[in-house]
C-alpha cells in the first residue's frame, strides 16, 4: 500500500520514532489538545462562548462532568484552562472516519481527514503533527489483515474499536532522498530544513577537526 500523507507544519513538526500499531478506532472522538484550545479556540470563545456547543464539541471539567460551552467564562483563562474539549464523531470530525493508534509519548497517530484537498498539494506539511492519510480505509484494512469492504461495513455501525493482533512495526521517519521501485533515487523538499542544519553541524565538526592555519 502506498498513499499520500499530510504531516505536521514547520511550527508543529511531526516527531520521528519507532513503535507498533495497536488499534483501529472507527468514527473516533477527537480529544482537542490543550495547545489548540488555548491558541486557536480560546480567542473565538471569548467572543462566542457557545460556538463549541453548536459545532459538535463536548466540554468537561476536571471531574469529568460535561458542561455547556456557553456556561464557561472563557475570558477568565489564559494558558491554563481547567476544561477538556472533545469533538463528537461526525463527517466534520477532524479525524474523519477512523484513526490508527500506535501509542507513543508524542501523541502521534494516523487518521482520516475531512480536508481531502490537501492531498492534491505538493507541499503537505499542514497538520498539527499527526499523520493524515489519503487512503485511511486501505491502511486500516492492511493493518487489520482484512478487506476494504470489511472496513466499510464496520463504519456503518458507529463508534467502535478493533485491536491489531499482529506485530506491525511503524517507523515515522524523514528522508529528503529515497529510491523508487526501479532503484532510481528521487529527491524531495526539505520542509523541516533538516538537511541544511545537518550540513551546518558537519561543517562545524570539520572546522574543529581541521588543523588551524
N, C-alpha and C. Protein backbone atom coordinates (compact mmCIF):
# COMPACT_ATOMS: atom_id res chain seq x y z
N UNK A 1 0.84 -1.19 0.00
CA UNK A 1 0.00 0.00 0.00
C UNK A 1 0.88 1.25 0.00
N UNK A 2 0.58 2.16 -0.89
CA UNK A 2 1.29 3.43 -0.96
C UNK A 2 0.25 4.54 -0.99
N UNK A 3 0.39 5.52 -0.11
CA UNK A 3 -0.61 6.57 -0.04
C UNK A 3 0.05 7.90 0.32
N UNK A 4 -0.53 8.97 -0.16
CA UNK A 4 -0.06 10.29 0.24
C UNK A 4 -0.47 10.57 1.68
N UNK A 5 0.31 11.43 2.33
CA UNK A 5 0.00 11.81 3.70
C UNK A 5 0.16 13.32 3.85
N UNK A 6 -0.42 13.83 4.91
CA UNK A 6 -0.18 15.20 5.37
C UNK A 6 0.49 15.10 6.72
N UNK A 7 1.58 15.83 6.92
CA UNK A 7 2.32 15.77 8.18
C UNK A 7 2.33 17.15 8.84
N UNK A 8 2.99 17.23 9.99
CA UNK A 8 2.99 18.46 10.77
C UNK A 8 3.65 19.63 10.04
N UNK A 9 3.06 20.79 10.21
CA UNK A 9 3.64 22.00 9.63
C UNK A 9 4.97 22.31 10.33
N UNK A 10 5.70 23.27 9.83
CA UNK A 10 7.04 23.55 10.37
C UNK A 10 6.99 23.99 11.83
N UNK A 11 5.88 24.59 12.25
CA UNK A 11 5.75 25.01 13.65
C UNK A 11 5.18 23.91 14.54
N UNK A 12 4.73 22.80 13.95
CA UNK A 12 4.21 21.65 14.68
C UNK A 12 4.76 20.38 14.05
N UNK A 13 6.08 20.25 14.03
CA UNK A 13 6.71 19.18 13.28
C UNK A 13 6.35 17.80 13.82
N UNK A 14 6.06 16.89 12.91
CA UNK A 14 5.81 15.50 13.28
C UNK A 14 7.09 14.91 13.88
N UNK A 15 6.94 14.25 15.03
CA UNK A 15 8.10 13.60 15.66
C UNK A 15 8.44 12.33 14.89
N UNK A 16 9.70 11.91 14.96
CA UNK A 16 10.15 10.73 14.24
C UNK A 16 10.62 9.68 15.24
N UNK A 17 10.05 8.47 15.11
CA UNK A 17 10.28 7.44 16.12
C UNK A 17 9.81 6.10 15.57
N UNK A 18 10.01 5.06 16.37
CA UNK A 18 9.57 3.70 16.04
C UNK A 18 8.58 3.24 17.09
N UNK A 19 7.54 2.54 16.65
CA UNK A 19 6.59 1.95 17.60
C UNK A 19 5.86 0.80 16.92
N UNK A 20 4.78 0.30 17.55
CA UNK A 20 3.99 -0.78 16.97
C UNK A 20 2.52 -0.39 16.93
N UNK A 21 1.85 -0.75 15.83
CA UNK A 21 0.43 -0.43 15.67
C UNK A 21 -0.39 -1.33 16.58
N UNK A 22 -1.32 -0.72 17.32
CA UNK A 22 -2.09 -1.46 18.32
C UNK A 22 -3.59 -1.52 18.05
N UNK A 23 -4.16 -0.48 17.42
CA UNK A 23 -5.63 -0.41 17.39
C UNK A 23 -6.12 0.48 16.26
N UNK A 24 -7.31 0.13 15.75
CA UNK A 24 -8.03 0.99 14.81
C UNK A 24 -9.30 1.46 15.50
N UNK A 25 -9.53 2.75 15.47
CA UNK A 25 -10.68 3.37 16.13
C UNK A 25 -11.60 3.91 15.04
N UNK A 26 -12.82 3.35 14.95
CA UNK A 26 -13.78 3.75 13.93
C UNK A 26 -14.68 4.86 14.46
N UNK A 27 -14.96 5.84 13.61
CA UNK A 27 -15.74 7.01 13.99
C UNK A 27 -15.25 7.54 15.35
N UNK A 28 -14.01 7.98 15.39
CA UNK A 28 -13.40 8.36 16.67
C UNK A 28 -13.86 9.71 17.19
N UNK A 29 -13.76 9.85 18.49
CA UNK A 29 -13.81 11.17 19.11
C UNK A 29 -12.44 11.82 18.91
N UNK A 30 -12.42 13.14 18.90
CA UNK A 30 -11.15 13.85 18.85
C UNK A 30 -10.97 14.64 20.13
N UNK A 31 -10.01 14.22 20.95
CA UNK A 31 -9.67 14.97 22.15
C UNK A 31 -8.78 16.13 21.76
N UNK A 32 -9.31 17.34 21.85
CA UNK A 32 -8.58 18.52 21.37
C UNK A 32 -7.40 18.81 22.30
N UNK A 33 -6.18 18.88 21.77
CA UNK A 33 -5.02 19.20 22.61
C UNK A 33 -5.16 20.58 23.25
N UNK A 34 -4.60 20.72 24.45
CA UNK A 34 -4.67 21.99 25.15
C UNK A 34 -4.06 23.13 24.33
N UNK A 35 -3.01 22.83 23.58
CA UNK A 35 -2.38 23.88 22.78
C UNK A 35 -3.34 24.45 21.75
N UNK A 36 -4.18 23.61 21.18
CA UNK A 36 -5.15 24.08 20.19
C UNK A 36 -6.28 24.83 20.88
N UNK A 37 -6.71 24.35 22.05
CA UNK A 37 -7.75 25.06 22.81
C UNK A 37 -7.28 26.48 23.12
N UNK A 38 -6.04 26.59 23.61
CA UNK A 38 -5.51 27.90 24.03
C UNK A 38 -5.23 28.81 22.84
N UNK A 39 -4.55 28.29 21.84
CA UNK A 39 -4.06 29.15 20.76
C UNK A 39 -5.07 29.39 19.64
N UNK A 40 -6.00 28.45 19.43
CA UNK A 40 -6.90 28.58 18.30
C UNK A 40 -8.37 28.75 18.70
N UNK A 41 -8.79 28.08 19.76
CA UNK A 41 -10.20 28.15 20.14
C UNK A 41 -10.50 29.29 21.11
N UNK A 42 -9.59 29.53 22.05
CA UNK A 42 -9.86 30.50 23.11
C UNK A 42 -10.16 31.90 22.59
N UNK A 43 -9.42 32.43 21.61
CA UNK A 43 -9.75 33.77 21.12
C UNK A 43 -11.19 33.88 20.63
N UNK A 44 -11.69 32.85 19.96
CA UNK A 44 -13.08 32.88 19.48
C UNK A 44 -14.06 32.68 20.62
N UNK A 45 -13.71 31.81 21.57
CA UNK A 45 -14.61 31.52 22.69
C UNK A 45 -14.85 32.75 23.56
N UNK A 46 -13.88 33.62 23.64
CA UNK A 46 -14.05 34.83 24.45
C UNK A 46 -15.17 35.71 23.88
N UNK A 47 -15.36 35.67 22.57
CA UNK A 47 -16.41 36.46 21.93
C UNK A 47 -17.68 35.66 21.65
N UNK A 48 -17.54 34.34 21.54
CA UNK A 48 -18.67 33.47 21.19
C UNK A 48 -18.58 32.19 22.01
N UNK A 49 -18.90 32.25 23.30
CA UNK A 49 -18.69 31.09 24.18
C UNK A 49 -19.52 29.86 23.83
N UNK A 50 -20.56 30.02 23.04
CA UNK A 50 -21.40 28.87 22.72
C UNK A 50 -21.05 28.17 21.43
N UNK A 51 -19.97 28.60 20.76
CA UNK A 51 -19.72 28.02 19.44
C UNK A 51 -19.32 26.54 19.51
N UNK A 52 -18.72 26.10 20.59
CA UNK A 52 -18.39 24.68 20.72
C UNK A 52 -19.65 23.83 20.82
N UNK A 53 -20.66 24.32 21.52
CA UNK A 53 -21.93 23.60 21.62
C UNK A 53 -22.55 23.42 20.24
N UNK A 54 -22.49 24.44 19.43
CA UNK A 54 -23.12 24.39 18.11
C UNK A 54 -22.32 23.56 17.11
N UNK A 55 -21.03 23.36 17.40
CA UNK A 55 -20.14 22.72 16.43
C UNK A 55 -19.84 21.26 16.74
N UNK A 56 -20.58 20.66 17.67
CA UNK A 56 -20.41 19.24 17.95
C UNK A 56 -19.27 18.90 18.88
N UNK A 57 -18.90 19.83 19.76
CA UNK A 57 -17.85 19.57 20.74
C UNK A 57 -18.47 19.38 22.13
N UNK A 58 -17.80 18.60 22.96
CA UNK A 58 -18.18 18.41 24.35
C UNK A 58 -17.13 19.06 25.25
N UNK A 59 -17.58 19.75 26.28
CA UNK A 59 -16.68 20.37 27.26
C UNK A 59 -16.89 19.68 28.60
N UNK A 60 -15.81 19.26 29.25
CA UNK A 60 -15.90 18.64 30.57
C UNK A 60 -14.95 19.34 31.53
N UNK A 61 -15.34 19.35 32.82
CA UNK A 61 -14.47 19.97 33.82
C UNK A 61 -13.48 18.95 34.36
N UNK A 62 -12.71 19.32 35.37
CA UNK A 62 -11.64 18.46 35.89
C UNK A 62 -12.17 17.18 36.53
N UNK A 63 -13.46 17.15 36.87
CA UNK A 63 -14.08 15.94 37.44
C UNK A 63 -14.75 15.08 36.39
N UNK A 64 -14.66 15.50 35.13
CA UNK A 64 -15.27 14.74 34.05
C UNK A 64 -16.73 15.06 33.81
N UNK A 65 -17.23 16.09 34.47
CA UNK A 65 -18.63 16.48 34.31
C UNK A 65 -18.79 17.32 33.05
N UNK A 66 -19.75 16.93 32.22
CA UNK A 66 -19.98 17.67 30.98
C UNK A 66 -20.78 18.93 31.27
N UNK A 67 -20.33 20.05 30.69
CA UNK A 67 -20.98 21.33 30.90
C UNK A 67 -21.11 22.05 29.56
N UNK A 68 -22.11 22.92 29.41
CA UNK A 68 -22.24 23.68 28.16
C UNK A 68 -21.06 24.64 27.98
N UNK A 69 -20.57 24.72 26.78
CA UNK A 69 -19.51 25.69 26.48
C UNK A 69 -19.96 27.11 26.80
N UNK A 70 -21.23 27.38 26.57
CA UNK A 70 -21.76 28.73 26.80
C UNK A 70 -21.80 29.11 28.27
N UNK A 71 -21.66 28.11 29.17
CA UNK A 71 -21.71 28.38 30.61
C UNK A 71 -20.35 28.72 31.19
N UNK A 72 -19.30 28.63 30.38
CA UNK A 72 -17.94 28.88 30.85
C UNK A 72 -17.56 30.34 30.57
N UNK A 73 -16.94 30.97 31.56
CA UNK A 73 -16.41 32.32 31.36
C UNK A 73 -15.00 32.19 30.77
N UNK A 74 -14.93 32.02 29.47
CA UNK A 74 -13.65 31.78 28.81
C UNK A 74 -12.69 32.96 28.94
N UNK A 75 -13.22 34.14 29.14
CA UNK A 75 -12.38 35.31 29.27
C UNK A 75 -11.54 35.31 30.53
N UNK A 76 -11.86 34.41 31.48
CA UNK A 76 -11.11 34.36 32.74
C UNK A 76 -9.84 33.51 32.63
N UNK A 77 -9.61 32.89 31.47
CA UNK A 77 -8.50 31.95 31.36
C UNK A 77 -7.50 32.38 30.30
N UNK A 78 -6.26 31.95 30.54
CA UNK A 78 -5.18 32.20 29.59
C UNK A 78 -4.57 30.89 29.16
N UNK A 79 -3.32 30.66 29.56
CA UNK A 79 -2.61 29.46 29.13
C UNK A 79 -3.08 28.19 29.84
N UNK A 80 -3.64 28.33 31.04
CA UNK A 80 -4.07 27.16 31.81
C UNK A 80 -5.59 27.12 31.87
N UNK A 81 -6.18 26.21 31.11
CA UNK A 81 -7.63 26.09 31.04
C UNK A 81 -8.05 24.79 31.73
N UNK A 82 -8.88 24.85 32.77
CA UNK A 82 -9.24 23.66 33.54
C UNK A 82 -10.38 22.85 32.92
N UNK A 83 -10.45 22.83 31.60
CA UNK A 83 -11.51 22.10 30.91
C UNK A 83 -10.90 21.27 29.79
N UNK A 84 -11.57 20.17 29.49
CA UNK A 84 -11.20 19.34 28.35
C UNK A 84 -12.25 19.51 27.27
N UNK A 85 -11.83 19.41 26.03
CA UNK A 85 -12.74 19.55 24.89
C UNK A 85 -12.54 18.36 23.96
N UNK A 86 -13.63 17.75 23.53
CA UNK A 86 -13.52 16.71 22.52
C UNK A 86 -14.63 16.87 21.49
N UNK A 87 -14.32 16.48 20.27
CA UNK A 87 -15.27 16.59 19.16
C UNK A 87 -15.95 15.25 18.95
N UNK A 88 -17.25 15.26 18.86
CA UNK A 88 -18.02 14.04 18.66
C UNK A 88 -17.80 13.49 17.25
N UNK A 89 -17.99 12.17 17.08
CA UNK A 89 -17.89 11.60 15.73
C UNK A 89 -18.91 12.24 14.79
N UNK A 90 -18.45 12.62 13.61
CA UNK A 90 -19.33 13.21 12.60
C UNK A 90 -18.53 13.37 11.31
N UNK A 91 -19.19 13.76 10.24
CA UNK A 91 -18.50 13.99 8.98
C UNK A 91 -17.51 15.15 9.10
N UNK A 92 -17.79 16.06 10.03
CA UNK A 92 -16.92 17.22 10.22
C UNK A 92 -15.79 16.96 11.21
N UNK A 93 -15.78 15.80 11.86
CA UNK A 93 -14.75 15.50 12.85
C UNK A 93 -13.36 15.62 12.24
N UNK A 94 -12.44 16.23 12.96
CA UNK A 94 -11.10 16.48 12.45
C UNK A 94 -10.34 15.20 12.12
N UNK A 95 -10.73 14.07 12.73
CA UNK A 95 -10.06 12.79 12.49
C UNK A 95 -10.74 11.98 11.40
N UNK A 96 -11.83 12.52 10.83
CA UNK A 96 -12.52 11.79 9.78
C UNK A 96 -13.21 10.55 10.31
N UNK A 97 -13.19 9.47 9.53
CA UNK A 97 -13.96 8.29 9.89
C UNK A 97 -13.17 7.23 10.65
N UNK A 98 -11.84 7.38 10.77
CA UNK A 98 -11.08 6.41 11.56
C UNK A 98 -9.70 6.95 11.90
N UNK A 99 -9.12 6.37 12.95
CA UNK A 99 -7.72 6.65 13.28
C UNK A 99 -7.03 5.34 13.62
N UNK A 100 -5.72 5.31 13.43
CA UNK A 100 -4.90 4.13 13.65
C UNK A 100 -3.87 4.48 14.72
N UNK A 101 -3.91 3.74 15.82
CA UNK A 101 -3.13 4.10 17.00
C UNK A 101 -1.88 3.24 17.16
N UNK A 102 -0.78 3.89 17.48
CA UNK A 102 0.45 3.24 17.92
C UNK A 102 0.95 4.06 19.10
N UNK A 103 0.44 3.78 20.31
CA UNK A 103 0.65 4.64 21.48
C UNK A 103 2.12 5.04 21.67
N UNK A 104 2.34 6.34 21.85
CA UNK A 104 3.70 6.86 21.98
C UNK A 104 3.66 8.16 22.76
N UNK A 105 4.81 8.57 23.26
CA UNK A 105 4.89 9.76 24.11
C UNK A 105 4.64 11.06 23.35
N UNK A 106 4.64 10.99 22.01
CA UNK A 106 4.44 12.19 21.21
C UNK A 106 2.97 12.44 20.87
N UNK A 107 2.09 11.49 21.22
CA UNK A 107 0.66 11.58 20.90
C UNK A 107 0.44 11.68 19.39
N UNK A 108 1.26 10.97 18.62
CA UNK A 108 1.14 10.96 17.17
C UNK A 108 0.38 9.70 16.75
N UNK A 109 -0.52 9.84 15.78
CA UNK A 109 -1.22 8.70 15.21
C UNK A 109 -1.60 9.02 13.77
N UNK A 110 -2.08 8.01 13.04
CA UNK A 110 -2.55 8.21 11.67
C UNK A 110 -4.07 8.33 11.69
N UNK A 111 -4.60 9.15 10.78
CA UNK A 111 -6.06 9.29 10.76
C UNK A 111 -6.56 9.82 9.42
N UNK A 112 -7.85 9.67 9.23
CA UNK A 112 -8.56 10.24 8.09
C UNK A 112 -8.68 11.75 8.30
N UNK A 113 -9.23 12.45 7.34
CA UNK A 113 -9.44 13.89 7.47
C UNK A 113 -10.55 14.33 6.54
N UNK A 114 -11.35 15.32 6.94
CA UNK A 114 -12.34 15.88 6.00
C UNK A 114 -11.71 16.83 4.99
N UNK A 115 -10.46 17.20 5.18
CA UNK A 115 -9.78 18.16 4.30
C UNK A 115 -9.04 17.42 3.18
N UNK A 116 -9.81 16.80 2.29
CA UNK A 116 -9.23 15.97 1.24
C UNK A 116 -8.40 16.75 0.23
N UNK A 117 -8.70 18.03 0.06
CA UNK A 117 -7.99 18.81 -0.95
C UNK A 117 -6.49 18.95 -0.65
N UNK A 118 -6.11 18.80 0.61
CA UNK A 118 -4.70 18.94 0.97
C UNK A 118 -3.81 17.92 0.25
N UNK A 119 -4.38 16.75 -0.07
CA UNK A 119 -3.57 15.70 -0.69
C UNK A 119 -3.20 16.02 -2.14
N UNK A 120 -3.83 17.01 -2.72
CA UNK A 120 -3.50 17.40 -4.09
C UNK A 120 -2.31 18.36 -4.13
N UNK A 121 -1.87 18.81 -2.99
CA UNK A 121 -0.75 19.75 -2.94
C UNK A 121 0.59 19.00 -2.94
N UNK A 122 1.61 19.64 -3.47
CA UNK A 122 2.95 19.06 -3.41
C UNK A 122 3.54 19.20 -2.01
N UNK A 123 3.36 20.36 -1.39
CA UNK A 123 3.86 20.58 -0.04
C UNK A 123 2.71 20.30 0.93
N UNK A 124 2.86 19.22 1.71
CA UNK A 124 1.75 18.77 2.56
C UNK A 124 2.12 18.76 4.04
N UNK A 125 3.01 19.64 4.46
CA UNK A 125 3.30 19.81 5.89
C UNK A 125 2.31 20.83 6.43
N UNK A 126 1.10 20.34 6.76
CA UNK A 126 -0.03 21.23 7.03
C UNK A 126 -0.80 20.88 8.30
N UNK A 127 -0.41 19.82 9.00
CA UNK A 127 -1.19 19.37 10.16
C UNK A 127 -0.60 19.91 11.46
N UNK A 128 -1.24 19.54 12.57
CA UNK A 128 -0.74 19.90 13.89
C UNK A 128 0.31 18.91 14.40
N UNK A 129 0.64 17.90 13.60
CA UNK A 129 1.66 16.94 14.00
C UNK A 129 1.33 15.50 13.67
N UNK A 130 0.05 15.14 13.71
CA UNK A 130 -0.34 13.77 13.37
C UNK A 130 -0.28 13.57 11.86
N UNK A 131 -0.39 12.30 11.45
CA UNK A 131 -0.24 11.93 10.04
C UNK A 131 -1.62 11.66 9.45
N UNK A 132 -2.04 12.49 8.51
CA UNK A 132 -3.33 12.32 7.84
C UNK A 132 -3.14 11.44 6.61
N UNK A 133 -4.06 10.52 6.39
CA UNK A 133 -3.95 9.53 5.32
C UNK A 133 -4.90 9.83 4.17
N UNK A 134 -4.39 9.74 2.95
CA UNK A 134 -5.27 9.88 1.79
C UNK A 134 -6.15 8.64 1.62
N UNK A 135 -5.64 7.47 2.01
CA UNK A 135 -6.40 6.22 1.88
C UNK A 135 -6.52 5.55 3.25
N UNK A 136 -7.31 6.12 4.16
CA UNK A 136 -7.40 5.56 5.51
C UNK A 136 -8.04 4.17 5.54
N UNK A 137 -9.02 3.92 4.69
CA UNK A 137 -9.65 2.60 4.68
C UNK A 137 -8.67 1.53 4.21
N UNK A 138 -7.87 1.86 3.20
CA UNK A 138 -6.88 0.91 2.74
C UNK A 138 -5.84 0.61 3.80
N UNK A 139 -5.41 1.64 4.53
CA UNK A 139 -4.43 1.43 5.59
C UNK A 139 -5.03 0.62 6.74
N UNK A 140 -6.27 0.90 7.11
CA UNK A 140 -6.93 0.15 8.18
C UNK A 140 -7.07 -1.32 7.79
N UNK A 141 -7.44 -1.57 6.54
CA UNK A 141 -7.57 -2.95 6.07
C UNK A 141 -6.22 -3.66 6.11
N UNK A 142 -5.16 -2.95 5.74
CA UNK A 142 -3.83 -3.55 5.72
C UNK A 142 -3.36 -3.94 7.12
N UNK A 143 -3.54 -3.05 8.10
CA UNK A 143 -3.03 -3.35 9.44
C UNK A 143 -3.90 -4.39 10.15
N UNK A 144 -5.18 -4.47 9.79
CA UNK A 144 -6.06 -5.48 10.41
C UNK A 144 -6.05 -6.79 9.64
N UNK A 145 -5.38 -6.83 8.50
CA UNK A 145 -5.31 -8.05 7.70
C UNK A 145 -6.65 -8.44 7.12
N UNK A 146 -7.40 -7.46 6.66
CA UNK A 146 -8.74 -7.71 6.15
C UNK A 146 -8.95 -6.93 4.86
N UNK A 147 -10.21 -6.78 4.43
CA UNK A 147 -10.52 -6.11 3.17
C UNK A 147 -11.09 -4.71 3.41
N UNK A 148 -11.05 -3.89 2.37
CA UNK A 148 -11.66 -2.57 2.45
C UNK A 148 -13.17 -2.69 2.63
N UNK A 149 -13.77 -3.74 2.06
CA UNK A 149 -15.21 -3.97 2.25
C UNK A 149 -15.53 -4.21 3.72
N UNK A 150 -14.67 -4.93 4.41
CA UNK A 150 -14.88 -5.15 5.84
C UNK A 150 -14.82 -3.84 6.61
N UNK A 151 -13.87 -2.98 6.25
CA UNK A 151 -13.76 -1.68 6.90
C UNK A 151 -15.01 -0.85 6.65
N UNK A 152 -15.51 -0.87 5.42
CA UNK A 152 -16.73 -0.13 5.08
C UNK A 152 -17.91 -0.62 5.91
N UNK A 153 -17.98 -1.92 6.13
CA UNK A 153 -19.07 -2.47 6.94
C UNK A 153 -18.95 -2.04 8.40
N UNK A 154 -17.74 -2.04 8.93
CA UNK A 154 -17.52 -1.59 10.30
C UNK A 154 -17.96 -0.14 10.47
N UNK A 155 -17.74 0.66 9.46
CA UNK A 155 -18.06 2.08 9.54
C UNK A 155 -19.56 2.36 9.50
N UNK A 156 -20.35 1.35 9.17
CA UNK A 156 -21.80 1.52 9.16
C UNK A 156 -22.40 1.47 10.56
N UNK A 157 -21.60 1.07 11.55
CA UNK A 157 -22.15 0.77 12.87
C UNK A 157 -21.66 1.71 13.97
N UNK A 158 -21.29 2.93 13.62
CA UNK A 158 -20.94 3.91 14.63
C UNK A 158 -19.58 3.68 15.26
N UNK A 159 -19.39 4.31 16.42
CA UNK A 159 -18.09 4.27 17.08
C UNK A 159 -17.77 2.88 17.60
N UNK A 160 -16.57 2.39 17.30
CA UNK A 160 -16.08 1.11 17.81
C UNK A 160 -14.57 1.07 17.66
N UNK A 161 -13.95 0.09 18.28
CA UNK A 161 -12.51 -0.10 18.16
C UNK A 161 -12.21 -1.55 17.85
N UNK A 162 -11.07 -1.80 17.23
CA UNK A 162 -10.62 -3.17 16.96
C UNK A 162 -9.12 -3.23 17.15
N UNK A 163 -8.68 -4.18 17.97
CA UNK A 163 -7.25 -4.33 18.24
C UNK A 163 -6.54 -4.99 17.07
N UNK A 164 -5.30 -4.59 16.86
CA UNK A 164 -4.45 -5.21 15.86
C UNK A 164 -3.74 -6.38 16.52
N UNK A 165 -4.00 -7.59 16.05
CA UNK A 165 -3.49 -8.79 16.71
C UNK A 165 -2.10 -9.20 16.23
N UNK A 166 -1.67 -8.67 15.10
CA UNK A 166 -0.34 -8.99 14.59
C UNK A 166 0.68 -7.95 15.07
N UNK A 167 1.95 -8.32 15.01
CA UNK A 167 3.01 -7.36 15.33
C UNK A 167 3.36 -6.59 14.07
N UNK A 168 3.01 -5.32 14.06
CA UNK A 168 3.26 -4.49 12.88
C UNK A 168 4.05 -3.25 13.32
N UNK A 169 5.32 -3.18 12.96
CA UNK A 169 6.11 -2.00 13.33
C UNK A 169 5.73 -0.80 12.48
N UNK A 170 5.87 0.37 13.04
CA UNK A 170 5.67 1.60 12.29
C UNK A 170 6.89 2.49 12.53
N UNK A 171 7.47 2.95 11.44
CA UNK A 171 8.62 3.84 11.51
C UNK A 171 8.19 5.20 10.96
N UNK A 172 8.16 6.19 11.81
CA UNK A 172 7.87 7.55 11.36
C UNK A 172 9.22 8.21 11.13
N UNK A 173 9.57 8.39 9.86
CA UNK A 173 10.92 8.82 9.51
C UNK A 173 10.88 9.99 8.53
N UNK A 174 12.04 10.61 8.32
CA UNK A 174 12.16 11.81 7.49
C UNK A 174 13.31 11.63 6.52
N UNK A 175 13.00 11.60 5.23
CA UNK A 175 14.03 11.47 4.20
C UNK A 175 13.80 12.52 3.12
N UNK A 176 14.86 13.11 2.64
CA UNK A 176 14.75 14.03 1.50
C UNK A 176 15.25 13.38 0.21
N UNK A 177 15.68 12.13 0.30
CA UNK A 177 16.05 11.34 -0.87
C UNK A 177 15.66 9.90 -0.61
N UNK A 178 15.10 9.23 -1.63
CA UNK A 178 14.62 7.86 -1.44
C UNK A 178 14.54 7.17 -2.80
N UNK A 179 14.97 5.89 -2.90
CA UNK A 179 14.91 5.20 -4.20
C UNK A 179 13.48 4.77 -4.54
N UNK A 180 13.13 4.88 -5.84
CA UNK A 180 11.83 4.36 -6.26
C UNK A 180 11.95 2.86 -6.50
N UNK A 181 10.91 2.23 -7.03
CA UNK A 181 10.91 0.78 -7.19
C UNK A 181 11.96 0.29 -8.18
N UNK A 182 12.38 1.17 -9.08
CA UNK A 182 13.40 0.78 -10.06
C UNK A 182 14.82 1.01 -9.54
N UNK A 183 14.92 1.62 -8.36
CA UNK A 183 16.23 1.91 -7.79
C UNK A 183 16.71 3.32 -8.05
N UNK A 184 15.98 4.09 -8.84
CA UNK A 184 16.36 5.47 -9.12
C UNK A 184 16.07 6.34 -7.90
N UNK A 185 17.05 7.14 -7.50
CA UNK A 185 16.89 7.99 -6.32
C UNK A 185 16.06 9.23 -6.68
N UNK A 186 15.03 9.48 -5.89
CA UNK A 186 14.21 10.67 -6.05
C UNK A 186 14.51 11.62 -4.90
N UNK A 187 14.42 12.91 -5.18
CA UNK A 187 14.73 13.92 -4.18
C UNK A 187 13.47 14.72 -3.85
N UNK A 188 13.37 15.12 -2.58
CA UNK A 188 12.18 15.80 -2.10
C UNK A 188 12.57 17.06 -1.32
N UNK A 189 11.61 17.96 -1.19
CA UNK A 189 11.86 19.20 -0.48
C UNK A 189 12.17 18.96 0.99
N UNK A 190 13.07 19.75 1.51
CA UNK A 190 13.47 19.65 2.92
C UNK A 190 12.58 20.58 3.74
N UNK A 191 11.33 20.17 3.94
CA UNK A 191 10.33 21.08 4.53
C UNK A 191 10.67 21.48 5.96
N UNK A 192 11.40 20.64 6.68
CA UNK A 192 11.77 20.96 8.06
C UNK A 192 13.18 21.55 8.17
N UNK A 193 13.81 21.79 7.03
CA UNK A 193 15.14 22.42 6.98
C UNK A 193 16.19 21.61 7.74
N UNK A 194 16.05 20.29 7.69
CA UNK A 194 16.98 19.45 8.45
C UNK A 194 18.29 19.21 7.71
N UNK A 195 18.23 19.15 6.39
CA UNK A 195 19.47 18.93 5.64
C UNK A 195 20.44 20.09 5.84
N UNK A 196 19.93 21.32 5.78
CA UNK A 196 20.82 22.47 5.93
C UNK A 196 21.40 22.54 7.34
N UNK A 197 20.60 22.14 8.32
CA UNK A 197 21.11 22.14 9.70
C UNK A 197 22.15 21.04 9.89
N UNK A 198 21.93 19.90 9.23
CA UNK A 198 22.91 18.83 9.28
C UNK A 198 24.22 19.29 8.63
N UNK A 199 24.10 19.98 7.51
CA UNK A 199 25.30 20.48 6.83
C UNK A 199 26.05 21.46 7.73
N UNK A 200 25.32 22.33 8.42
CA UNK A 200 25.97 23.28 9.33
C UNK A 200 26.72 22.53 10.43
N UNK A 201 26.09 21.47 10.95
CA UNK A 201 26.73 20.69 12.01
C UNK A 201 27.98 19.98 11.49
N UNK A 202 27.90 19.43 10.27
CA UNK A 202 29.06 18.75 9.68
C UNK A 202 30.18 19.75 9.40
N UNK A 203 29.81 20.93 8.89
CA UNK A 203 30.83 21.95 8.63
C UNK A 203 31.52 22.38 9.93
N UNK A 204 30.72 22.53 11.00
CA UNK A 204 31.30 22.93 12.28
C UNK A 204 32.22 21.85 12.82
N UNK A 205 31.83 20.58 12.64
CA UNK A 205 32.66 19.47 13.10
C UNK A 205 33.97 19.42 12.31
N UNK A 206 33.85 19.61 10.99
CA UNK A 206 35.05 19.59 10.14
C UNK A 206 36.00 20.73 10.48
N UNK A 207 35.43 21.88 10.85
CA UNK A 207 36.27 23.02 11.22
C UNK A 207 37.07 22.73 12.48
N UNK A 208 36.46 22.00 13.41
CA UNK A 208 37.16 21.64 14.65
C UNK A 208 38.24 20.61 14.38
N UNK A 209 37.96 19.67 13.47
CA UNK A 209 38.93 18.62 13.16
C UNK A 209 40.13 19.15 12.38
N UNK A 210 39.89 20.12 11.51
CA UNK A 210 40.96 20.62 10.64
C UNK A 210 41.98 21.40 11.46
N UNK A 211 43.24 21.22 11.17
CA UNK A 211 44.27 21.99 11.91
C UNK A 211 44.15 23.46 11.57
N UNK A 212 44.36 24.29 12.56
CA UNK A 212 44.29 25.73 12.33
C UNK A 212 45.44 26.17 11.46
N UNK A 213 45.15 27.13 10.59
CA UNK A 213 46.18 27.60 9.67
C UNK A 213 47.06 28.64 10.34
